[in-house]
Amino acid sequence: MKRSPYFVFLPVLLCALLWGSAFPTIKMVYSHWAESGIEVNIFDRWLFAGVRFTVAGLGLLLIAKKPWAEWQATPKRWVALLAVSQTLLQYLFFYLGLSLSSGSLTALMASTGSFWWMILAPVMLGTVWPRLRQWLILVVGAMGVALAVYAPGAGAGEPLLGAICIMFATFFGAIGIIVVSKVKATMGSRAATGFALFLGGVGLCLVAVPAWEHITQLFDGYVIVVTAWLALVSALAFAVWNHLSTQYPVPLLASCRFLIPVSGVLQSLLFLPGESAGWGLIVGGMLVIGSMLVATWMKRD
C-alpha cells in the first residue's frame, strides 16, 4: 500500500524533539564537569559518547526480533560501514564540534546533513544530480552557514572550528543513512541501528582509551542518569529514523530534517544559560533552513 508523505511528519517531529534535546543535555554534562572541578579533554568526551551509544545499541538489540539471524544474513561490510559512518566517525566529529561551539550553533550546523544527502545520493544511490537552480540554492545555504559562524551570538566559543567539525559529522551521518538502504533487505531497522550504535560505541570507547583511568570520576550519579537518557534518545530516534528511511524516499526525509536543527536551537537557547542568538545565527539560520527546504522539495519533485 502506498504511504502518504504527510504521515512522515509526526515521527520526524518525535525524532527532532529527541535529537534536539541532546544538544543542551550534552552541554549540561560539560558544565557539570566544570562546576565539579573536573578538567576534561576530548578523550573524556569521546568516552562519554562511547558509553552512551554502546548502551543504546545493546538496548535495541535486546528488543530486536532476530538480530543474530539478521546479522548472519547481512553482508558484514555494510554493517561495518554503517557503524563506522553513522556512529563512530559522525560522533567523533560531533562531540569535538560541540566542545568547541555553542549548542545552538551546533544544532543549526546539523542541518547541513540534508545538503550532503543531495550530493551523495546521486553518487551512492544513482539518483539524478541537482540542477543549476538547486546548486544556486545550495550556495544560498552556504552563505547562511557563513553568516551563522560570523555572528553566532553569546557563548559561541570557537564557531569556525566547531562548524567545520559538525559539517564533517553530518557528512558521515549522511553516508550512514544511505547505507541503511543497503542492509534493509536482510536486516530490520532495530537490529541495524542496534549493531551500528553498539559497534560504533565500542569503537569510540577504544579511541578514548586515555580516559579510562578516571572513568569513575567522570561518571558520577548525575552523569550516569544523563547517559541513560541520551542512550534512550539515541536508541529511539535512530530506530525511528532508520525505519522511516526504509519506508520513504531520502529526498522527502531530507526536506523534513529542518525540524531537527530548529528543535536543537530552540532547546539550547531555552535551557543553556549564557547562550543567546546573534543576528548572524538568526539570519543565517533562516537562509540555511529555507534553502534546505526549497532544494529538497525541488529534488523530490
C-alpha atoms as a PDB file:
ATOM      1  CA  MET A   1       0.000   0.000   0.000  1.00  0.00           C
ATOM      2  CA  LYS A   2       1.336   3.420  -0.951  1.00  0.00           C
ATOM      3  CA  ARG A   3       2.154   5.610   2.043  1.00  0.00           C
ATOM      4  CA  SER A   4       1.135   9.246   2.099  1.00  0.00           C
ATOM      5  CA  PRO A   5       4.141  11.565   2.594  1.00  0.00           C
ATOM      6  CA  TYR A   6       2.138  13.506   5.188  1.00  0.00           C
ATOM      7  CA  PHE A   7       2.295  10.574   7.622  1.00  0.00           C
ATOM      8  CA  VAL A   8       6.038  11.085   7.964  1.00  0.00           C
ATOM      9  CA  PHE A   9       5.858  14.386   9.870  1.00  0.00           C
ATOM     10  CA  LEU A  10       4.710  13.069  13.263  1.00  0.00           C
ATOM     11  CA  PRO A  11       7.538  10.516  13.679  1.00  0.00           C
ATOM     12  CA  VAL A  12      10.015  13.058  12.275  1.00  0.00           C
ATOM     13  CA  LEU A  13       8.814  15.561  14.889  1.00  0.00           C
ATOM     14  CA  LEU A  14       9.445  12.929  17.585  1.00  0.00           C
ATOM     15  CA  CYS A  15      12.993  12.410  16.262  1.00  0.00           C
ATOM     16  CA  ALA A  16      13.526  16.172  16.152  1.00  0.00           C
ATOM     17  CA  LEU A  17      12.461  16.642  19.772  1.00  0.00           C
ATOM     18  CA  LEU A  18      14.642  13.748  20.927  1.00  0.00           C
ATOM     19  CA  TRP A  19      17.743  14.691  18.950  1.00  0.00           C
ATOM     20  CA  GLY A  20      17.179  18.373  19.691  1.00  0.00           C
ATOM     21  CA  SER A  21      17.281  17.646  23.424  1.00  0.00           C
ATOM     22  CA  ALA A  22      20.724  16.053  23.051  1.00  0.00           C
ATOM     23  CA  PHE A  23      22.450  19.363  22.222  1.00  0.00           C
ATOM     24  CA  PRO A  24      21.695  21.168  25.519  1.00  0.00           C
ATOM     25  CA  THR A  25      21.887  17.936  27.541  1.00  0.00           C
ATOM     26  CA  ILE A  26      25.450  17.163  26.452  1.00  0.00           C
ATOM     27  CA  LYS A  27      26.490  20.764  27.112  1.00  0.00           C
ATOM     28  CA  MET A  28      24.956  20.452  30.602  1.00  0.00           C
ATOM     29  CA  VAL A  29      27.247  17.490  31.289  1.00  0.00           C
ATOM     30  CA  TYR A  30      30.228  19.595  30.195  1.00  0.00           C
ATOM     31  CA  SER A  31      29.104  22.346  32.578  1.00  0.00           C
ATOM     32  CA  HIS A  32      28.624  19.805  35.385  1.00  0.00           C
ATOM     33  CA  TRP A  33      32.196  18.598  34.970  1.00  0.00           C
ATOM     34  CA  ALA A  34      33.479  22.161  35.016  1.00  0.00           C
ATOM     35  CA  GLU A  35      31.489  23.019  38.159  1.00  0.00           C
ATOM     36  CA  SER A  36      32.801  19.852  39.834  1.00  0.00           C
ATOM     37  CA  GLY A  37      36.373  20.915  39.137  1.00  0.00           C
ATOM     38  CA  ILE A  38      36.975  18.081  36.651  1.00  0.00           C
ATOM     39  CA  GLU A  39      39.235  19.081  33.772  1.00  0.00           C
ATOM     40  CA  VAL A  40      38.226  17.052  30.723  1.00  0.00           C
ATOM     41  CA  ASN A  41      39.727  16.649  27.268  1.00  0.00           C
ATOM     42  CA  ILE A  42      38.368  15.311  24.020  1.00  0.00           C
ATOM     43  CA  PHE A  43      39.124  11.696  25.004  1.00  0.00           C
ATOM     44  CA  ASP A  44      36.880  12.084  28.051  1.00  0.00           C
ATOM     45  CA  ARG A  45      34.086  13.382  25.818  1.00  0.00           C
ATOM     46  CA  TRP A  46      34.549  10.527  23.364  1.00  0.00           C
ATOM     47  CA  LEU A  47      34.377   8.023  26.235  1.00  0.00           C
ATOM     48  CA  PHE A  48      31.132   9.664  27.363  1.00  0.00           C
ATOM     49  CA  ALA A  49      29.792   9.253  23.811  1.00  0.00           C
ATOM     50  CA  GLY A  50      31.059   5.682  23.535  1.00  0.00           C
ATOM     51  CA  VAL A  51      29.322   4.544  26.711  1.00  0.00           C
ATOM     52  CA  ARG A  52      26.123   6.263  25.570  1.00  0.00           C
ATOM     53  CA  PHE A  53      25.995   4.532  22.190  1.00  0.00           C
ATOM     54  CA  THR A  54      27.160   1.143  23.440  1.00  0.00           C
ATOM     55  CA  VAL A  55      24.312   1.083  25.974  1.00  0.00           C
ATOM     56  CA  ALA A  56      21.827   2.328  23.371  1.00  0.00           C
ATOM     57  CA  GLY A  57      22.895  -0.330  20.888  1.00  0.00           C
ATOM     58  CA  LEU A  58      22.623  -3.135  23.431  1.00  0.00           C
ATOM     59  CA  GLY A  59      19.143  -1.967  24.391  1.00  0.00           C
ATOM     60  CA  LEU A  60      17.959  -2.072  20.792  1.00  0.00           C
ATOM     61  CA  LEU A  61      19.491  -5.487  20.125  1.00  0.00           C
ATOM     62  CA  LEU A  62      17.681  -6.884  23.152  1.00  0.00           C
ATOM     63  CA  ILE A  63      14.300  -5.873  21.733  1.00  0.00           C
ATOM     64  CA  ALA A  64      15.052  -6.702  18.091  1.00  0.00           C
ATOM     65  CA  LYS A  65      13.234  -9.773  16.724  1.00  0.00           C
ATOM     66  CA  LYS A  66      16.076 -11.959  15.429  1.00  0.00           C
ATOM     67  CA  PRO A  67      19.240  -9.851  15.484  1.00  0.00           C
ATOM     68  CA  TRP A  68      21.699 -12.768  15.226  1.00  0.00           C
ATOM     69  CA  ALA A  69      19.890 -14.322  12.269  1.00  0.00           C
ATOM     70  CA  GLU A  70      19.777 -10.904  10.562  1.00  0.00           C
ATOM     71  CA  TRP A  71      23.480 -10.416  11.315  1.00  0.00           C
ATOM     72  CA  GLN A  72      24.321 -13.724   9.615  1.00  0.00           C
ATOM     73  CA  ALA A  73      22.185 -12.891   6.563  1.00  0.00           C
ATOM     74  CA  THR A  74      23.673  -9.418   6.013  1.00  0.00           C
ATOM     75  CA  PRO A  75      26.995  -8.660   4.277  1.00  0.00           C
ATOM     76  CA  LYS A  76      29.346  -7.616   7.079  1.00  0.00           C
ATOM     77  CA  ARG A  77      30.955  -4.846   5.037  1.00  0.00           C
ATOM     78  CA  TRP A  78      27.671  -2.905   5.004  1.00  0.00           C
ATOM     79  CA  VAL A  79      27.114  -3.379   8.734  1.00  0.00           C
ATOM     80  CA  ALA A  80      30.679  -2.246   9.393  1.00  0.00           C
ATOM     81  CA  LEU A  81      30.291   0.787   7.110  1.00  0.00           C
ATOM     82  CA  LEU A  82      27.025   1.698   8.839  1.00  0.00           C
ATOM     83  CA  ALA A  83      28.644   1.515  12.287  1.00  0.00           C
ATOM     84  CA  VAL A  84      31.734   3.443  11.215  1.00  0.00           C
ATOM     85  CA  SER A  85      29.859   6.198   9.381  1.00  0.00           C
ATOM     86  CA  GLN A  86      26.648   6.647  11.382  1.00  0.00           C
ATOM     87  CA  THR A  87      28.182   6.289  14.836  1.00  0.00           C
ATOM     88  CA  LEU A  88      31.985   6.219  15.058  1.00  0.00           C
ATOM     89  CA  LEU A  89      33.078   8.929  12.617  1.00  0.00           C
ATOM     90  CA  GLN A  90      29.930  11.031  12.901  1.00  0.00           C
ATOM     91  CA  TYR A  91      30.226  11.345  16.666  1.00  0.00           C
ATOM     92  CA  LEU A  92      33.993  11.678  16.803  1.00  0.00           C
ATOM     93  CA  PHE A  93      33.496  14.947  14.949  1.00  0.00           C
ATOM     94  CA  PHE A  94      30.175  15.823  16.590  1.00  0.00           C
ATOM     95  CA  TYR A  95      31.453  15.730  20.175  1.00  0.00           C
ATOM     96  CA  LEU A  96      34.586  17.613  19.150  1.00  0.00           C
ATOM     97  CA  GLY A  97      32.470  20.281  17.446  1.00  0.00           C
ATOM     98  CA  LEU A  98      30.101  20.560  20.395  1.00  0.00           C
ATOM     99  CA  SER A  99      33.043  21.102  22.724  1.00  0.00           C
ATOM    100  CA  LEU A 100      34.236  23.991  20.561  1.00  0.00           C
ATOM    101  CA  SER A 101      30.997  25.864  19.835  1.00  0.00           C
ATOM    102  CA  SER A 102      27.607  26.646  21.359  1.00  0.00           C
ATOM    103  CA  GLY A 103      24.697  24.215  21.442  1.00  0.00           C
ATOM    104  CA  SER A 104      22.556  26.496  19.265  1.00  0.00           C
ATOM    105  CA  LEU A 105      25.208  26.895  16.544  1.00  0.00           C
ATOM    106  CA  THR A 106      25.910  23.160  16.600  1.00  0.00           C
ATOM    107  CA  ALA A 107      22.198  22.427  16.206  1.00  0.00           C
ATOM    108  CA  LEU A 108      21.967  24.757  13.208  1.00  0.00           C
ATOM    109  CA  MET A 109      25.017  23.183  11.577  1.00  0.00           C
ATOM    110  CA  ALA A 110      23.360  19.773  11.911  1.00  0.00           C
ATOM    111  CA  SER A 111      21.037  20.882   9.094  1.00  0.00           C
ATOM    112  CA  THR A 112      23.923  20.615   6.614  1.00  0.00           C
ATOM    113  CA  GLY A 113      23.258  16.874   6.550  1.00  0.00           C
ATOM    114  CA  SER A 114      20.444  17.495   4.063  1.00  0.00           C
ATOM    115  CA  PHE A 115      22.853  19.220   1.676  1.00  0.00           C
ATOM    116  CA  TRP A 116      25.225  16.275   1.898  1.00  0.00           C
ATOM    117  CA  TRP A 117      22.348  13.940   1.087  1.00  0.00           C
ATOM    118  CA  MET A 118      21.598  15.815  -2.113  1.00  0.00           C
ATOM    119  CA  ILE A 119      25.220  15.454  -3.221  1.00  0.00           C
ATOM    120  CA  LEU A 120      25.840  11.894  -2.031  1.00  0.00           C
ATOM    121  CA  ALA A 121      22.550  10.336  -3.170  1.00  0.00           C
ATOM    122  CA  PRO A 122      23.445  10.580  -6.918  1.00  0.00           C
ATOM    123  CA  VAL A 123      26.869   9.022  -6.205  1.00  0.00           C
ATOM    124  CA  MET A 124      25.763   6.207  -3.882  1.00  0.00           C
ATOM    125  CA  LEU A 125      22.163   5.594  -4.986  1.00  0.00           C
ATOM    126  CA  GLY A 126      22.230   6.670  -8.625  1.00  0.00           C
ATOM    127  CA  THR A 127      19.598   9.397  -8.299  1.00  0.00           C
ATOM    128  CA  VAL A 128      19.543  12.440 -10.574  1.00  0.00           C
ATOM    129  CA  TRP A 129      22.124  15.154  -9.886  1.00  0.00           C
ATOM    130  CA  PRO A 130      20.830  18.547  -8.693  1.00  0.00           C
ATOM    131  CA  ARG A 131      20.055  21.023 -11.441  1.00  0.00           C
ATOM    132  CA  LEU A 132      21.535  24.529 -11.732  1.00  0.00           C
ATOM    133  CA  ARG A 133      18.722  26.096  -9.696  1.00  0.00           C
ATOM    134  CA  GLN A 134      19.341  23.617  -6.912  1.00  0.00           C
ATOM    135  CA  TRP A 135      23.076  24.348  -6.899  1.00  0.00           C
ATOM    136  CA  LEU A 136      22.277  28.052  -6.591  1.00  0.00           C
ATOM    137  CA  ILE A 137      20.032  27.288  -3.620  1.00  0.00           C
ATOM    138  CA  LEU A 138      22.858  25.326  -2.020  1.00  0.00           C
ATOM    139  CA  VAL A 139      25.076  28.392  -2.439  1.00  0.00           C
ATOM    140  CA  VAL A 140      22.462  30.419  -0.550  1.00  0.00           C
ATOM    141  CA  GLY A 141      22.545  27.807   2.204  1.00  0.00           C
ATOM    142  CA  ALA A 142      26.342  28.060   2.356  1.00  0.00           C
ATOM    143  CA  MET A 143      26.007  31.841   2.740  1.00  0.00           C
ATOM    144  CA  GLY A 144      23.638  31.224   5.642  1.00  0.00           C
ATOM    145  CA  VAL A 145      26.199  28.977   7.310  1.00  0.00           C
ATOM    146  CA  ALA A 146      28.876  31.651   6.841  1.00  0.00           C
ATOM    147  CA  LEU A 147      26.642  34.290   8.469  1.00  0.00           C
ATOM    148  CA  ALA A 148      25.815  31.999  11.392  1.00  0.00           C
ATOM    149  CA  VAL A 149      29.507  31.320  12.005  1.00  0.00           C
ATOM    150  CA  TYR A 150      30.400  35.017  11.610  1.00  0.00           C
ATOM    151  CA  ALA A 151      27.946  36.276  14.269  1.00  0.00           C
ATOM    152  CA  PRO A 152      26.596  33.288  16.225  1.00  0.00           C
ATOM    153  CA  GLY A 153      25.817  35.113  19.472  1.00  0.00           C
ATOM    154  CA  ALA A 154      26.986  34.776  23.065  1.00  0.00           C
ATOM    155  CA  GLY A 155      28.654  31.600  24.280  1.00  0.00           C
ATOM    156  CA  ALA A 156      29.730  30.536  20.784  1.00  0.00           C
ATOM    157  CA  GLY A 157      33.288  29.529  21.748  1.00  0.00           C
ATOM    158  CA  GLU A 158      35.256  28.802  18.559  1.00  0.00           C
ATOM    159  CA  PRO A 159      32.467  28.872  15.962  1.00  0.00           C
ATOM    160  CA  LEU A 160      34.584  28.292  12.839  1.00  0.00           C
ATOM    161  CA  LEU A 161      36.358  25.174  14.083  1.00  0.00           C
ATOM    162  CA  GLY A 162      33.143  23.919  15.670  1.00  0.00           C
ATOM    163  CA  ALA A 163      31.204  24.418  12.443  1.00  0.00           C
ATOM    164  CA  ILE A 164      33.828  22.563  10.385  1.00  0.00           C
ATOM    165  CA  CYS A 165      33.703  19.601  12.778  1.00  0.00           C
ATOM    166  CA  ILE A 166      29.900  19.460  12.656  1.00  0.00           C
ATOM    167  CA  MET A 167      29.953  19.573   8.856  1.00  0.00           C
ATOM    168  CA  PHE A 168      32.254  16.551   8.847  1.00  0.00           C
ATOM    169  CA  ALA A 169      29.893  14.869  11.315  1.00  0.00           C
ATOM    170  CA  THR A 170      26.853  15.455   9.114  1.00  0.00           C
ATOM    171  CA  PHE A 171      28.802  14.212   6.076  1.00  0.00           C
ATOM    172  CA  PHE A 172      29.378  10.838   7.710  1.00  0.00           C
ATOM    173  CA  GLY A 173      25.821  10.805   9.075  1.00  0.00           C
ATOM    174  CA  ALA A 174      24.503  11.270   5.539  1.00  0.00           C
ATOM    175  CA  ILE A 175      26.587   8.333   4.341  1.00  0.00           C
ATOM    176  CA  GLY A 176      25.177   6.270   7.206  1.00  0.00           C
ATOM    177  CA  ILE A 177      21.536   6.890   6.345  1.00  0.00           C
ATOM    178  CA  ILE A 178      22.235   5.973   2.717  1.00  0.00           C
ATOM    179  CA  VAL A 179      23.994   2.755   3.785  1.00  0.00           C
ATOM    180  CA  VAL A 180      20.776   1.749   5.595  1.00  0.00           C
ATOM    181  CA  SER A 181      19.268   1.158   2.156  1.00  0.00           C
ATOM    182  CA  LYS A 182      21.969  -1.477   1.538  1.00  0.00           C
ATOM    183  CA  VAL A 183      21.130  -3.538   4.625  1.00  0.00           C
ATOM    184  CA  LYS A 184      17.341  -3.154   4.815  1.00  0.00           C
ATOM    185  CA  ALA A 185      16.722  -6.221   2.622  1.00  0.00           C
ATOM    186  CA  THR A 186      18.185  -8.592   5.222  1.00  0.00           C
ATOM    187  CA  MET A 187      18.182  -6.595   8.478  1.00  0.00           C
ATOM    188  CA  GLY A 188      15.364  -4.750  10.229  1.00  0.00           C
ATOM    189  CA  SER A 189      15.740  -1.168  11.419  1.00  0.00           C
ATOM    190  CA  ARG A 190      16.059  -2.091  15.112  1.00  0.00           C
ATOM    191  CA  ALA A 191      18.811  -4.651  14.530  1.00  0.00           C
ATOM    192  CA  ALA A 192      20.629  -2.415  12.029  1.00  0.00           C
ATOM    193  CA  THR A 193      20.515   0.541  14.391  1.00  0.00           C
ATOM    194  CA  GLY A 194      21.466  -1.643  17.351  1.00  0.00           C
ATOM    195  CA  PHE A 195      24.556  -3.061  15.658  1.00  0.00           C
ATOM    196  CA  ALA A 196      25.540   0.358  14.316  1.00  0.00           C
ATOM    197  CA  LEU A 197      25.268   2.011  17.726  1.00  0.00           C
ATOM    198  CA  PHE A 198      26.868  -0.865  19.654  1.00  0.00           C
ATOM    199  CA  LEU A 199      29.830  -1.403  17.319  1.00  0.00           C
ATOM    200  CA  GLY A 200      30.332   2.336  16.823  1.00  0.00           C
ATOM    201  CA  GLY A 201      30.068   2.916  20.579  1.00  0.00           C
ATOM    202  CA  VAL A 202      32.695   0.260  21.278  1.00  0.00           C
ATOM    203  CA  GLY A 203      34.883   1.939  18.664  1.00  0.00           C
ATOM    204  CA  LEU A 204      34.513   5.295  20.413  1.00  0.00           C
ATOM    205  CA  CYS A 205      35.431   3.683  23.753  1.00  0.00           C
ATOM    206  CA  LEU A 206      38.560   2.211  22.164  1.00  0.00           C
ATOM    207  CA  VAL A 207      39.544   5.576  20.688  1.00  0.00           C
ATOM    208  CA  ALA A 208      39.078   7.063  24.168  1.00  0.00           C
ATOM    209  CA  VAL A 209      41.471   4.643  25.926  1.00  0.00           C
ATOM    210  CA  PRO A 210      43.432   7.520  27.586  1.00  0.00           C
ATOM    211  CA  ALA A 211      40.250   8.448  29.526  1.00  0.00           C
ATOM    212  CA  TRP A 212      39.642   5.006  31.001  1.00  0.00           C
ATOM    213  CA  GLU A 213      41.869   5.559  34.020  1.00  0.00           C
ATOM    214  CA  HIS A 214      39.490   8.134  35.518  1.00  0.00           C
ATOM    215  CA  ILE A 215      36.153   6.775  34.306  1.00  0.00           C
ATOM    216  CA  THR A 216      34.750   6.661  37.851  1.00  0.00           C
ATOM    217  CA  GLN A 217      35.488  10.356  38.267  1.00  0.00           C
ATOM    218  CA  LEU A 218      33.708  11.212  35.020  1.00  0.00           C
ATOM    219  CA  PHE A 219      30.614   9.079  35.601  1.00  0.00           C
ATOM    220  CA  ASP A 220      29.111  10.208  38.890  1.00  0.00           C
ATOM    221  CA  GLY A 221      25.396   9.806  39.649  1.00  0.00           C
ATOM    222  CA  TYR A 222      24.362  12.841  37.592  1.00  0.00           C
ATOM    223  CA  VAL A 223      26.313  11.799  34.500  1.00  0.00           C
ATOM    224  CA  ILE A 224      25.053   8.198  34.757  1.00  0.00           C
ATOM    225  CA  VAL A 225      21.431   9.404  34.717  1.00  0.00           C
ATOM    226  CA  VAL A 226      22.091  11.749  31.793  1.00  0.00           C
ATOM    227  CA  THR A 227      23.924   8.994  29.901  1.00  0.00           C
ATOM    228  CA  ALA A 228      20.921   6.702  30.362  1.00  0.00           C
ATOM    229  CA  TRP A 229      18.637   9.416  28.960  1.00  0.00           C
ATOM    230  CA  LEU A 230      20.927  10.066  25.989  1.00  0.00           C
ATOM    231  CA  ALA A 231      21.145   6.326  25.317  1.00  0.00           C
ATOM    232  CA  LEU A 232      17.339   6.214  25.194  1.00  0.00           C
ATOM    233  CA  VAL A 233      17.319   9.232  22.870  1.00  0.00           C
ATOM    234  CA  SER A 234      19.810   7.560  20.540  1.00  0.00           C
ATOM    235  CA  ALA A 235      18.080   4.190  20.506  1.00  0.00           C
ATOM    236  CA  LEU A 236      14.574   5.538  19.939  1.00  0.00           C
ATOM    237  CA  ALA A 237      15.402   8.341  17.494  1.00  0.00           C
ATOM    238  CA  PHE A 238      17.790   6.303  15.333  1.00  0.00           C
ATOM    239  CA  ALA A 239      15.423   3.312  15.275  1.00  0.00           C
ATOM    240  CA  VAL A 240      12.511   5.501  14.149  1.00  0.00           C
ATOM    241  CA  TRP A 241      14.633   7.391  11.613  1.00  0.00           C
ATOM    242  CA  ASN A 242      16.207   4.285  10.089  1.00  0.00           C
ATOM    243  CA  HIS A 243      12.753   2.703   9.852  1.00  0.00           C
ATOM    244  CA  LEU A 244      11.465   5.795   8.056  1.00  0.00           C
ATOM    245  CA  SER A 245      14.379   5.561   5.623  1.00  0.00           C
ATOM    246  CA  THR A 246      13.080   2.120   4.550  1.00  0.00           C
ATOM    247  CA  GLN A 247       9.532   3.442   4.027  1.00  0.00           C
ATOM    248  CA  TYR A 248      10.031   6.891   2.459  1.00  0.00           C
ATOM    249  CA  PRO A 249      12.430   8.304  -0.159  1.00  0.00           C
ATOM    250  CA  VAL A 250      15.611  10.022   1.056  1.00  0.00           C
ATOM    251  CA  PRO A 251      14.722  13.431  -0.519  1.00  0.00           C
ATOM    252  CA  LEU A 252      11.445  13.532   1.416  1.00  0.00           C
ATOM    253  CA  LEU A 253      13.217  12.792   4.704  1.00  0.00           C
ATOM    254  CA  ALA A 254      15.862  15.369   3.854  1.00  0.00           C
ATOM    255  CA  SER A 255      13.179  18.015   3.483  1.00  0.00           C
ATOM    256  CA  CYS A 256      11.824  17.105   6.933  1.00  0.00           C
ATOM    257  CA  ARG A 257      15.184  17.368   8.669  1.00  0.00           C
ATOM    258  CA  PHE A 258      14.726  21.117   9.153  1.00  0.00           C
ATOM    259  CA  LEU A 259      12.747  20.249  12.290  1.00  0.00           C
ATOM    260  CA  ILE A 260      15.891  18.822  13.934  1.00  0.00           C
ATOM    261  CA  PRO A 261      18.044  21.996  13.880  1.00  0.00           C
ATOM    262  CA  VAL A 262      15.032  24.135  14.784  1.00  0.00           C
ATOM    263  CA  SER A 263      14.352  21.915  17.802  1.00  0.00           C
ATOM    264  CA  GLY A 264      18.022  21.867  18.789  1.00  0.00           C
ATOM    265  CA  VAL A 265      18.458  25.642  18.518  1.00  0.00           C
ATOM    266  CA  LEU A 266      15.298  26.400  20.486  1.00  0.00           C
ATOM    267  CA  GLN A 267      16.077  23.909  23.246  1.00  0.00           C
ATOM    268  CA  SER A 268      19.683  25.120  23.500  1.00  0.00           C
ATOM    269  CA  LEU A 269      18.638  28.762  23.806  1.00  0.00           C
ATOM    270  CA  LEU A 270      15.944  27.817  26.310  1.00  0.00           C
ATOM    271  CA  PHE A 271      17.915  25.524  28.622  1.00  0.00           C
ATOM    272  CA  LEU A 272      21.542  26.676  28.359  1.00  0.00           C
ATOM    273  CA  PRO A 273      22.385  29.771  30.439  1.00  0.00           C
ATOM    274  CA  GLY A 274      24.814  32.155  28.793  1.00  0.00           C
ATOM    275  CA  GLU A 275      23.747  31.375  25.227  1.00  0.00           C
ATOM    276  CA  SER A 276      21.942  33.856  23.030  1.00  0.00           C
ATOM    277  CA  ALA A 277      21.310  34.077  19.306  1.00  0.00           C
ATOM    278  CA  GLY A 278      23.226  36.751  17.401  1.00  0.00           C
ATOM    279  CA  TRP A 279      21.932  38.346  14.225  1.00  0.00           C
ATOM    280  CA  GLY A 280      24.140  36.036  12.152  1.00  0.00           C
ATOM    281  CA  LEU A 281      22.646  32.916  13.715  1.00  0.00           C
ATOM    282  CA  ILE A 282      19.098  34.200  13.164  1.00  0.00           C
ATOM    283  CA  VAL A 283      19.539  35.407   9.573  1.00  0.00           C
ATOM    284  CA  GLY A 284      21.892  32.594   8.660  1.00  0.00           C
ATOM    285  CA  GLY A 285      19.548  30.043  10.171  1.00  0.00           C
ATOM    286  CA  MET A 286      16.662  31.360   8.096  1.00  0.00           C
ATOM    287  CA  LEU A 287      18.782  31.113   4.933  1.00  0.00           C
ATOM    288  CA  VAL A 288      20.044  27.611   5.749  1.00  0.00           C
ATOM    289  CA  ILE A 289      16.684  26.127   6.670  1.00  0.00           C
ATOM    290  CA  GLY A 290      14.818  27.969   3.897  1.00  0.00           C
ATOM    291  CA  SER A 291      17.279  26.908   1.203  1.00  0.00           C
ATOM    292  CA  MET A 292      17.286  23.354   2.526  1.00  0.00           C
ATOM    293  CA  LEU A 293      13.515  23.137   2.290  1.00  0.00           C
ATOM    294  CA  VAL A 294      13.360  24.610  -1.214  1.00  0.00           C
ATOM    295  CA  ALA A 295      16.226  22.486  -2.519  1.00  0.00           C
ATOM    296  CA  THR A 296      14.994  19.175  -1.168  1.00  0.00           C
ATOM    297  CA  TRP A 297      11.401  19.812  -2.227  1.00  0.00           C
ATOM    298  CA  MET A 298      12.657  20.584  -5.730  1.00  0.00           C
ATOM    299  CA  LYS A 299      14.723  17.410  -5.628  1.00  0.00           C
ATOM    300  CA  ARG A 300      11.709  15.381  -4.513  1.00  0.00           C
ATOM    301  CA  ASP A 301       9.564  16.814  -7.306  1.00  0.00           C
END
